[in-house]
């Protein structure tokens, strides 16, 4: 495709300039909903966004959700005003996404003026087991990013990141994936939902410390009583609530519905103001059910930015509102930096990073790894079927790989990931297990554990199976 980098992109301009943005998240529906009804909903949200006068407000159209089959965000470009399409953000989920679909969608995007894209691998369908999930096609976010950037350089491509991991191995595995996404073309980052401001701060510090000064957006969630119950039941992959925060929400659930809603608005205001002070270029608001909620949220956030122009004043108000609640989900949770949310920048990079406790492995894991290293040191340079039986016995090879990657994945067969991904996804649970019930430990977290044993964490960033 021709290079059209001269095309104006107001979303990109504002994000890179540091102008604070509010993005109203609109979930692209499943195919059980009439498309015309969905178009009307999107148009109504866009009208609400355009009505906001004191805050730059636009939409983020996300895909996937809980539906097994869903429309694509590119199918709804025509529902948006052509004059403002460069201000909106479009997601592209890798679930149910064959490789030839991405160029087709990007052709629609190019013709329709949709310039801003976020690549995600996609969550599993709720309720599906590992076998059903393995039968679905998940295209890696890294592969989507490469395709987007190759298709048209005028596209502004971003990725998602989950900084809300509370064990060293899970967090390090996520950071490896962030680096891979950035190296594959991600130009900005959208953080996953949570309420732990310390983790949002740590993500900014880590990226800056690695020399990646790219814009970031924090995804915030407006809570309803029904949504709280679903989160507590574990029906939002990758989103966790600490016992302290659970107690606060249970208390708020005893309020009247209007009082509960007021409490959530104030929490959104405080989170958004904190994100701006921590270096975020905007927030993406999930959980808004009606267009008028978007215009109200943007106006309230604008007021909060004026109310809290400096960090110290915001921190005092935030701690008071949250009753200094512990946001970590379990005792001994790992934080990369000091636990105090008391300044906007670390004292120094990277010496302030906290060292994790020694890695825990079993004798069997270490023995199997040592034997695999002896027998298969060059397996990635040989046909995948080479020494297949030995690989199965020694390395638990799944036997479904087009090319063997064992030497690049700490001699753990990554094909045991039900989604067949090449790195950890955002749906990993706080205890390091897969989002799909019954699978056990995330295979990519296990790869990170063994990399730490052999001091080879850095190799994982350079390896993209």
Protein backbone atom coordinates (compact mmCIF):
# COMPACT_ATOMS: atom_id res chain seq x y z
CA UNK A 1 0.00 0.00 0.00
CA UNK A 2 1.17 3.58 -0.59
CA UNK A 3 2.54 5.58 2.30
CA UNK A 4 -0.15 8.09 3.33
CA UNK A 5 1.36 9.32 6.58
CA UNK A 6 0.41 12.91 5.64
CA UNK A 7 -3.27 12.20 6.35
CA UNK A 8 -4.47 14.16 9.37
CA UNK A 9 -5.25 12.11 12.45
CA UNK A 10 -6.66 14.19 15.30
CA UNK A 11 -6.72 11.27 17.74
CA UNK A 12 -3.01 10.68 17.20
CA UNK A 13 -2.19 14.38 17.38
CA UNK A 14 -3.92 14.83 20.73
CA UNK A 15 -2.59 11.60 22.22
CA UNK A 16 1.01 12.37 21.31
CA UNK A 17 0.66 15.99 22.38
CA UNK A 18 -0.60 14.92 25.80
CA UNK A 19 -4.06 16.48 25.49
CA UNK A 20 -6.25 14.45 27.83
CA UNK A 21 -8.91 12.39 26.01
CA UNK A 22 -12.06 10.62 27.13
CA UNK A 23 -13.05 7.58 25.06
CA UNK A 24 -16.50 6.10 25.53
CA UNK A 25 -16.32 2.34 25.02
CA UNK A 26 -19.05 0.83 22.85
CA UNK A 27 -19.09 -2.96 22.59
CA UNK A 28 -19.67 -4.29 19.07
CA UNK A 29 -22.57 -6.72 19.50
CA UNK A 30 -22.92 -10.38 18.73
CA UNK A 31 -24.62 -11.39 15.52
CA UNK A 32 -27.81 -12.17 17.41
CA UNK A 33 -28.50 -8.40 17.45
CA UNK A 34 -29.81 -6.63 14.37
CA UNK A 35 -27.03 -4.60 12.75
CA UNK A 36 -29.24 -1.57 12.14
CA UNK A 37 -30.04 -1.40 15.86
CA UNK A 38 -26.31 -1.49 16.64
CA UNK A 39 -25.67 1.31 14.11
CA UNK A 40 -28.27 3.47 15.80
CA UNK A 41 -26.65 2.89 19.19
CA UNK A 42 -23.19 3.81 17.90
CA UNK A 43 -24.51 6.94 16.19
CA UNK A 44 -26.25 7.99 19.42
CA UNK A 45 -23.02 7.59 21.41
CA UNK A 46 -21.11 9.59 18.80
CA UNK A 47 -23.69 12.37 19.04
CA UNK A 48 -23.24 12.40 22.82
CA UNK A 49 -19.47 12.58 22.43
CA UNK A 50 -19.77 15.53 20.04
CA UNK A 51 -22.03 17.36 22.50
CA UNK A 52 -19.24 17.65 25.10
CA UNK A 53 -17.72 21.12 24.96
CA UNK A 54 -15.07 21.13 27.69
CA UNK A 55 -13.32 17.80 27.06
CA UNK A 56 -12.10 16.03 23.91
CA UNK A 57 -14.44 13.03 23.74
CA UNK A 58 -14.76 10.25 21.19
CA UNK A 59 -15.51 6.52 20.95
CA UNK A 60 -13.64 3.23 21.29
CA UNK A 61 -15.41 0.43 19.42
CA UNK A 62 -14.41 -2.90 20.96
CA UNK A 63 -14.98 -6.42 19.63
CA UNK A 64 -15.57 -9.86 21.05
CA UNK A 65 -17.35 -9.66 24.35
CA UNK A 66 -19.26 -12.74 25.46
CA UNK A 67 -20.71 -13.63 22.05
CA UNK A 68 -19.35 -16.63 20.20
CA UNK A 69 -19.89 -14.87 16.85
CA UNK A 70 -19.72 -11.10 16.56
CA UNK A 71 -19.60 -8.28 14.05
CA UNK A 72 -16.36 -6.45 13.39
CA UNK A 73 -15.79 -2.83 14.31
CA UNK A 74 -14.90 -2.13 10.68
CA UNK A 75 -18.47 -3.07 9.78
CA UNK A 76 -19.71 0.04 11.61
CA UNK A 77 -17.41 2.70 10.20
CA UNK A 78 -20.29 3.96 8.06
CA UNK A 79 -22.39 4.54 11.21
CA UNK A 80 -19.97 7.32 12.20
CA UNK A 81 -19.83 10.86 10.84
CA UNK A 82 -17.13 10.95 8.10
CA UNK A 83 -15.85 14.25 9.49
CA UNK A 84 -14.93 12.67 12.84
CA UNK A 85 -13.79 9.13 11.98
CA UNK A 86 -10.14 10.01 12.58
CA UNK A 87 -11.01 10.89 16.21
CA UNK A 88 -12.32 7.42 17.12
CA UNK A 89 -10.55 4.22 18.17
CA UNK A 90 -11.32 0.80 16.66
CA UNK A 91 -10.41 -2.57 18.15
CA UNK A 92 -9.56 -5.69 16.17
CA UNK A 93 -9.90 -8.98 18.04
CA UNK A 94 -7.89 -12.02 17.03
CA UNK A 95 -10.67 -14.40 18.06
CA UNK A 96 -12.32 -16.06 15.03
CA UNK A 97 -9.89 -14.16 12.84
CA UNK A 98 -8.19 -15.95 9.93
CA UNK A 99 -5.10 -14.21 8.57
CA UNK A 100 -6.74 -13.12 5.32
CA UNK A 101 -9.47 -11.27 7.23
CA UNK A 102 -7.15 -8.57 8.59
CA UNK A 103 -6.16 -7.12 5.16
CA UNK A 104 -9.84 -7.18 4.19
CA UNK A 105 -10.79 -5.21 7.32
CA UNK A 106 -7.91 -2.79 6.82
CA UNK A 107 -9.10 -2.17 3.26
CA UNK A 108 -12.49 -1.16 4.71
CA UNK A 109 -10.75 1.00 7.28
CA UNK A 110 -8.60 2.76 4.70
CA UNK A 111 -11.58 3.47 2.45
CA UNK A 112 -13.70 4.66 5.37
CA UNK A 113 -11.13 6.85 7.09
CA UNK A 114 -10.81 4.76 10.27
CA UNK A 115 -7.16 5.34 11.17
CA UNK A 116 -6.75 4.30 14.81
CA UNK A 117 -6.59 0.61 15.73
CA UNK A 118 -5.91 -1.53 18.79
CA UNK A 119 -4.87 -5.13 18.22
CA UNK A 120 -6.00 -7.73 20.79
CA UNK A 121 -5.70 -11.51 20.73
CA UNK A 122 -9.18 -11.80 22.23
CA UNK A 123 -10.68 -13.52 25.26
CA UNK A 124 -12.09 -17.03 25.30
CA UNK A 125 -15.85 -17.42 24.99
CA UNK A 126 -17.29 -17.61 28.52
CA UNK A 127 -18.24 -21.12 29.49
CA UNK A 128 -16.20 -22.87 26.81
CA UNK A 129 -13.68 -25.47 27.91
CA UNK A 130 -10.11 -25.86 26.69
CA UNK A 131 -11.05 -28.19 23.86
CA UNK A 132 -13.68 -25.83 22.43
CA UNK A 133 -11.34 -22.88 22.82
CA UNK A 134 -8.53 -24.75 21.06
CA UNK A 135 -10.91 -25.31 18.15
CA UNK A 136 -11.27 -21.57 17.62
CA UNK A 137 -8.84 -19.47 15.66
CA UNK A 138 -6.99 -16.83 17.71
CA UNK A 139 -4.70 -14.55 15.74
CA UNK A 140 -1.91 -13.12 17.86
CA UNK A 141 -2.04 -9.39 18.57
CA UNK A 142 1.60 -9.20 17.46
CA UNK A 143 0.67 -10.66 14.07
CA UNK A 144 -2.27 -8.25 13.75
CA UNK A 145 0.02 -5.31 14.55
CA UNK A 146 2.53 -6.35 11.91
CA UNK A 147 -0.24 -6.70 9.33
CA UNK A 148 -1.77 -3.30 10.16
CA UNK A 149 1.55 -1.49 9.97
CA UNK A 150 2.50 -3.27 6.75
CA UNK A 151 -0.85 -2.57 5.11
CA UNK A 152 -0.87 1.22 5.52
CA UNK A 153 1.67 3.35 7.37
CA UNK A 154 -0.97 6.04 7.95
CA UNK A 155 -2.70 3.77 10.47
CA UNK A 156 -2.01 4.53 14.14
CA UNK A 157 -1.73 1.10 15.78
CA UNK A 158 -1.87 0.34 19.49
CA UNK A 159 -1.99 -2.62 21.84
CA UNK A 160 -3.45 -3.56 25.21
CA UNK A 161 -1.47 -4.28 28.36
CA UNK A 162 -2.36 -5.90 31.68
CA UNK A 163 -0.19 -4.42 34.44
CA UNK A 164 -2.47 -5.85 37.14
CA UNK A 165 -0.45 -8.96 37.90
CA UNK A 166 0.53 -9.70 41.47
CA UNK A 167 3.17 -12.42 41.17
CA UNK A 168 6.61 -11.76 39.71
CA UNK A 169 6.38 -14.50 37.09
CA UNK A 170 2.98 -13.35 35.79
CA UNK A 171 4.05 -9.69 35.73
CA UNK A 172 7.37 -10.42 34.00
CA UNK A 173 5.56 -12.55 31.41
CA UNK A 174 3.23 -9.63 30.72
CA UNK A 175 6.15 -7.24 30.35
CA UNK A 176 7.79 -9.55 27.80
CA UNK A 177 4.55 -9.42 25.81
CA UNK A 178 4.45 -5.61 26.00
CA UNK A 179 7.94 -5.40 24.54
CA UNK A 180 7.04 -7.80 21.74
CA UNK A 181 3.94 -5.77 20.86
CA UNK A 182 5.87 -2.51 20.76
CA UNK A 183 8.56 -4.09 18.58
CA UNK A 184 5.82 -5.33 16.24
CA UNK A 185 4.53 -1.81 15.71
CA UNK A 186 2.40 -0.73 18.69
CA UNK A 187 2.58 3.06 18.93
CA UNK A 188 0.43 3.48 22.03
CA UNK A 189 -0.86 1.31 24.87
CA UNK A 190 -4.29 0.83 26.45
CA UNK A 191 -4.13 -0.56 29.99
CA UNK A 192 -6.65 -3.15 31.10
CA UNK A 193 -9.34 -2.29 33.69
CA UNK A 194 -8.66 -2.30 37.40
CA UNK A 195 -8.67 0.05 40.38
CA UNK A 196 -5.04 -0.26 41.52
CA UNK A 197 -3.48 3.11 40.73
CA UNK A 198 -0.09 1.88 41.92
CA UNK A 199 -0.02 -0.70 39.13
CA UNK A 200 -1.01 1.91 36.54
CA UNK A 201 1.85 4.07 37.79
CA UNK A 202 4.29 1.15 37.62
CA UNK A 203 3.41 0.47 33.97
CA UNK A 204 4.26 4.05 33.02
CA UNK A 205 7.50 3.92 35.01
CA UNK A 206 8.51 0.61 33.45
CA UNK A 207 7.88 1.73 29.86
CA UNK A 208 9.73 4.99 30.44
CA UNK A 209 12.59 3.14 32.12
CA UNK A 210 12.92 0.92 29.08
CA UNK A 211 13.05 3.97 26.82
CA UNK A 212 9.55 3.58 25.31
CA UNK A 213 7.99 7.02 25.72
CA UNK A 214 4.76 6.12 23.97
CA UNK A 215 1.31 7.47 24.85
CA UNK A 216 -0.90 5.39 27.11
CA UNK A 217 -4.61 5.24 27.90
CA UNK A 218 -6.12 3.77 31.08
CA UNK A 219 -9.31 1.76 30.76
CA UNK A 220 -11.69 2.55 33.62
CA UNK A 221 -14.94 0.75 34.35
CA UNK A 222 -18.14 2.35 35.54
CA UNK A 223 -19.71 -0.08 37.98
CA UNK A 224 -23.34 -1.03 38.46
CA UNK A 225 -24.59 -3.48 41.10
CA UNK A 226 -25.06 -6.08 38.37
CA UNK A 227 -21.55 -5.53 37.02
CA UNK A 228 -20.05 -5.84 40.50
CA UNK A 229 -21.72 -9.22 40.93
CA UNK A 230 -20.35 -10.41 37.59
CA UNK A 231 -16.82 -9.30 38.51
CA UNK A 232 -17.04 -11.01 41.88
CA UNK A 233 -18.15 -14.18 40.07
CA UNK A 234 -15.02 -14.02 37.87
CA UNK A 235 -16.88 -13.34 34.62
CA UNK A 236 -14.55 -10.54 33.49
CA UNK A 237 -11.26 -12.18 32.41
CA UNK A 238 -8.19 -10.52 33.88
CA UNK A 239 -10.12 -8.18 36.20
CA UNK A 240 -9.63 -8.75 39.92
CA UNK A 241 -10.88 -7.06 43.09
CA UNK A 242 -8.98 -7.08 46.37
CA UNK A 243 -10.68 -8.08 49.65
CA UNK A 244 -10.50 -4.47 50.87
CA UNK A 245 -12.07 -3.09 47.71
CA UNK A 246 -14.66 -5.88 47.78
CA UNK A 247 -15.64 -4.71 51.29
CA UNK A 248 -16.01 -1.12 50.05
CA UNK A 249 -18.21 -2.24 47.15
CA UNK A 250 -20.34 -4.46 49.41
CA UNK A 251 -20.90 -1.44 51.63
CA UNK A 252 -21.86 0.69 48.65
CA UNK A 253 -24.25 -2.01 47.43
CA UNK A 254 -26.31 -1.35 50.57
CA UNK A 255 -26.88 2.23 49.39
CA UNK A 256 -29.85 3.22 47.28
CA UNK A 257 -29.21 2.81 43.54
CA UNK A 258 -28.78 6.56 43.07
CA UNK A 259 -26.30 6.73 45.98
CA UNK A 260 -24.38 3.75 44.58
CA UNK A 261 -24.19 5.47 41.20
CA UNK A 262 -22.96 8.71 42.77
CA UNK A 263 -20.19 6.79 44.51
CA UNK A 264 -19.07 5.28 41.20
CA UNK A 265 -19.04 8.64 39.44
CA UNK A 266 -16.80 10.06 42.14
CA UNK A 267 -14.47 7.07 41.85
CA UNK A 268 -14.25 7.55 38.06
CA UNK A 269 -13.46 11.24 38.57
CA UNK A 270 -10.66 10.47 41.01
CA UNK A 271 -9.20 7.70 38.88
CA UNK A 272 -9.22 9.83 35.73
CA UNK A 273 -7.60 12.81 37.48
CA UNK A 274 -4.95 10.48 38.91
CA UNK A 275 -4.26 8.97 35.50
CA UNK A 276 -3.62 12.41 34.03
CA UNK A 277 -1.18 13.22 36.86
CA UNK A 278 0.58 9.85 36.40
CA UNK A 279 1.28 10.60 32.74
CA UNK A 280 -1.64 8.99 30.92
CA UNK A 281 -2.95 10.74 27.83
CA UNK A 282 -6.53 9.67 28.31
CA UNK A 283 -9.04 7.22 29.73
CA UNK A 284 -11.32 4.70 28.05
CA UNK A 285 -14.60 4.32 29.92
CA UNK A 286 -16.19 0.88 29.90
CA UNK A 287 -19.62 0.10 31.32
CA UNK A 288 -21.51 3.11 29.99
CA UNK A 289 -24.92 1.80 29.00
CA UNK A 290 -26.52 5.01 27.70
CA UNK A 291 -25.21 7.84 25.51
CA UNK A 292 -26.08 10.47 28.10
CA UNK A 293 -23.73 8.72 30.54
CA UNK A 294 -20.82 9.43 28.22
CA UNK A 295 -21.44 13.17 28.05
CA UNK A 296 -21.97 13.26 31.83
CA UNK A 297 -18.76 11.30 32.45
CA UNK A 298 -16.70 13.58 30.21
CA UNK A 299 -18.05 16.70 31.91
CA UNK A 300 -17.38 15.30 35.38
CA UNK A 301 -13.85 14.25 34.42
CA UNK A 302 -13.18 17.74 33.07
CA UNK A 303 -14.26 19.12 36.43
CA UNK A 304 -12.00 16.65 38.27
CA UNK A 305 -8.99 17.71 36.19
CA UNK A 306 -9.61 21.29 37.26
CA UNK A 307 -10.19 20.22 40.88
CA UNK A 308 -6.87 18.33 41.09
CA UNK A 309 -4.14 20.21 39.19
CA UNK A 310 -1.32 18.81 41.37
CA UNK A 311 -0.43 15.32 42.53
CA UNK A 312 -0.34 15.85 46.31
CA UNK A 313 -3.86 17.27 46.46
CA UNK A 314 -5.20 14.45 44.33
CA UNK A 315 -3.43 11.77 46.40
CA UNK A 316 -4.93 13.04 49.65
CA UNK A 317 -8.44 13.02 48.18
CA UNK A 318 -7.99 9.62 46.55
CA UNK A 319 -6.66 7.96 49.71
CA UNK A 320 -9.45 9.47 51.76
CA UNK A 321 -12.14 8.27 49.35
CA UNK A 322 -10.70 4.78 49.13
CA UNK A 323 -10.14 4.70 52.91
CA UNK A 324 -6.53 3.75 52.08
CA UNK A 325 -7.80 0.36 50.96
CA UNK A 326 -5.27 -2.34 50.01
CA UNK A 327 -5.79 -2.99 46.29
CA UNK A 328 -3.64 -6.13 46.03
CA UNK A 329 -5.76 -9.31 45.82
CA UNK A 330 -3.64 -11.41 48.21
CA UNK A 331 -0.92 -11.04 50.82
CA UNK A 332 2.63 -11.06 49.51
CA UNK A 333 1.57 -9.54 46.20
CA UNK A 334 4.51 -8.45 44.09
CA UNK A 335 5.01 -4.81 43.06
CA UNK A 336 7.88 -3.86 40.79
CA UNK A 337 8.56 -0.60 42.64
CA UNK A 338 8.07 0.62 46.20
CA UNK A 339 4.54 0.22 47.52
CA UNK A 340 4.07 3.93 48.27
CA UNK A 341 1.95 5.91 45.82
CA UNK A 342 3.71 9.08 46.93
CA UNK A 343 5.42 10.60 43.88
CA UNK A 344 5.02 10.85 40.13
CA UNK A 345 8.47 9.58 39.11
CA UNK A 346 10.84 6.95 40.54
CA UNK A 347 14.09 8.13 42.06
CA UNK A 348 16.11 6.39 39.35
CA UNK A 349 15.85 3.82 36.54
CA UNK A 350 16.07 0.87 36.80
CA UNK A 351 17.82 0.45 40.16
CA UNK A 352 14.65 1.11 42.11
CA UNK A 353 12.90 -1.93 40.66
CA UNK A 354 12.15 -4.40 43.41
CA UNK A 355 13.78 -7.80 43.19
CA UNK A 356 11.35 -10.71 43.42
CA UNK A 357 11.64 -13.64 45.75
CA UNK A 358 13.56 -16.67 44.41
CA UNK A 359 11.64 -18.56 41.74
CA UNK A 360 9.83 -21.74 42.76
CA UNK A 361 10.17 -24.85 40.61
CA UNK A 362 9.84 -28.57 41.24
CA UNK A 363 12.60 -31.14 40.87
CA UNK A 364 10.65 -32.67 37.98
CA UNK A 365 10.47 -29.36 36.10
CA UNK A 366 14.19 -28.76 36.44
CA UNK A 367 15.05 -32.35 35.50
CA UNK A 368 12.81 -32.30 32.43
CA UNK A 369 14.26 -28.95 31.36
CA UNK A 370 17.86 -30.17 31.73
CA UNK A 371 17.17 -33.34 29.75
CA UNK A 372 15.34 -31.40 27.03
CA UNK A 373 18.26 -29.00 26.70
CA UNK A 374 20.56 -31.98 26.18
CA UNK A 375 18.42 -33.76 23.57
CA UNK A 376 16.80 -30.85 21.68
CA UNK A 377 19.16 -27.84 21.69
CA UNK A 378 18.57 -27.13 17.98
CA UNK A 379 14.98 -28.35 17.58
CA UNK A 380 13.86 -25.00 16.16
CA UNK A 381 16.23 -25.49 13.22
CA UNK A 382 14.96 -28.99 12.41
CA UNK A 383 11.66 -30.31 10.98
CA UNK A 384 8.91 -30.26 13.59
CA UNK A 385 8.42 -34.03 13.25
CA UNK A 386 12.07 -34.71 14.05
CA UNK A 387 12.40 -36.90 17.21
CA UNK A 388 8.68 -36.44 17.81
CA UNK A 389 8.34 -39.39 20.19
CA UNK A 390 11.21 -38.22 22.40
CA UNK A 391 9.79 -34.70 22.47
CA UNK A 392 6.45 -36.09 23.59
CA UNK A 393 7.96 -38.18 26.37
CA UNK A 394 10.54 -35.70 27.63
CA UNK A 395 9.12 -32.23 26.83
CA UNK A 396 5.39 -33.07 26.74
CA UNK A 397 5.28 -31.90 23.12
CA UNK A 398 1.71 -31.30 21.90
CA UNK A 399 2.70 -32.34 18.38
CA UNK A 400 0.64 -29.70 16.55
CA UNK A 401 3.35 -27.19 15.68
CA UNK A 402 4.20 -26.14 12.11
CA UNK A 403 7.71 -25.52 13.44
CA UNK A 404 9.26 -26.50 16.76
CA UNK A 405 9.90 -23.62 19.18
CA UNK A 406 11.17 -25.54 22.23
CA UNK A 407 14.62 -23.87 22.41
CA UNK A 408 12.92 -20.46 22.38
CA UNK A 409 10.30 -21.29 25.01
CA UNK A 410 12.50 -22.78 27.75
CA UNK A 411 11.75 -26.28 26.35
CA UNK A 412 8.09 -25.94 27.33
CA UNK A 413 5.68 -26.64 24.47
CA UNK A 414 3.71 -23.39 24.06
CA UNK A 415 1.03 -25.19 22.03
CA UNK A 416 -0.52 -26.25 25.32
CA UNK A 417 -1.98 -22.72 25.42
CA UNK A 418 -5.67 -23.31 24.51
CA UNK A 419 -5.61 -20.19 22.33
CA UNK A 420 -2.30 -21.23 20.69
CA UNK A 421 -0.79 -17.82 21.54
CA UNK A 422 2.92 -17.05 21.63
CA UNK A 423 2.75 -15.15 24.91
CA UNK A 424 0.66 -14.54 27.99
CA UNK A 425 -2.78 -12.97 27.40
CA UNK A 426 -4.65 -10.40 29.47
CA UNK A 427 -7.08 -12.98 30.82
CA UNK A 428 -4.58 -14.75 33.10
CA UNK A 429 -5.91 -15.09 36.65
CA UNK A 430 -4.22 -13.54 39.73
CA UNK A 431 -2.87 -16.93 40.82
CA UNK A 432 -1.22 -17.45 37.41
CA UNK A 433 -3.75 -19.94 36.07
CA UNK A 434 -5.36 -19.78 32.63
CA UNK A 435 -8.64 -17.91 32.25
CA UNK A 436 -10.18 -21.20 31.05
CA UNK A 437 -11.30 -23.37 33.95
CA UNK A 438 -9.44 -26.64 34.45
CA UNK A 439 -6.35 -25.77 32.37
CA UNK A 440 -4.09 -24.98 35.33
CA UNK A 441 -1.06 -22.71 35.22
CA UNK A 442 -0.73 -20.48 32.17
CA UNK A 443 1.92 -22.13 29.99
CA UNK A 444 3.56 -18.76 29.27
CA UNK A 445 3.85 -18.01 32.97
CA UNK A 446 5.56 -21.39 33.35
CA UNK A 447 7.96 -20.44 30.56
CA UNK A 448 8.82 -17.27 32.45
CA UNK A 449 9.39 -19.22 35.69
CA UNK A 450 11.91 -21.48 34.00
CA UNK A 451 13.57 -18.54 32.23
CA UNK A 452 14.19 -17.00 35.64
CA UNK A 453 15.74 -20.26 36.88
CA UNK A 454 18.30 -20.17 34.07
CA UNK A 455 18.69 -16.37 34.03
CA UNK A 456 17.37 -16.15 30.48
CA UNK A 457 14.44 -13.74 30.86
CA UNK A 458 15.94 -11.34 28.34
CA UNK A 459 15.94 -14.00 25.62
CA UNK A 460 12.13 -14.19 25.72
CA UNK A 461 11.76 -10.60 24.52
CA UNK A 462 13.93 -11.29 21.48
CA UNK A 463 12.15 -14.53 20.68
CA UNK A 464 8.80 -14.32 18.89
CA UNK A 465 7.65 -17.87 18.14
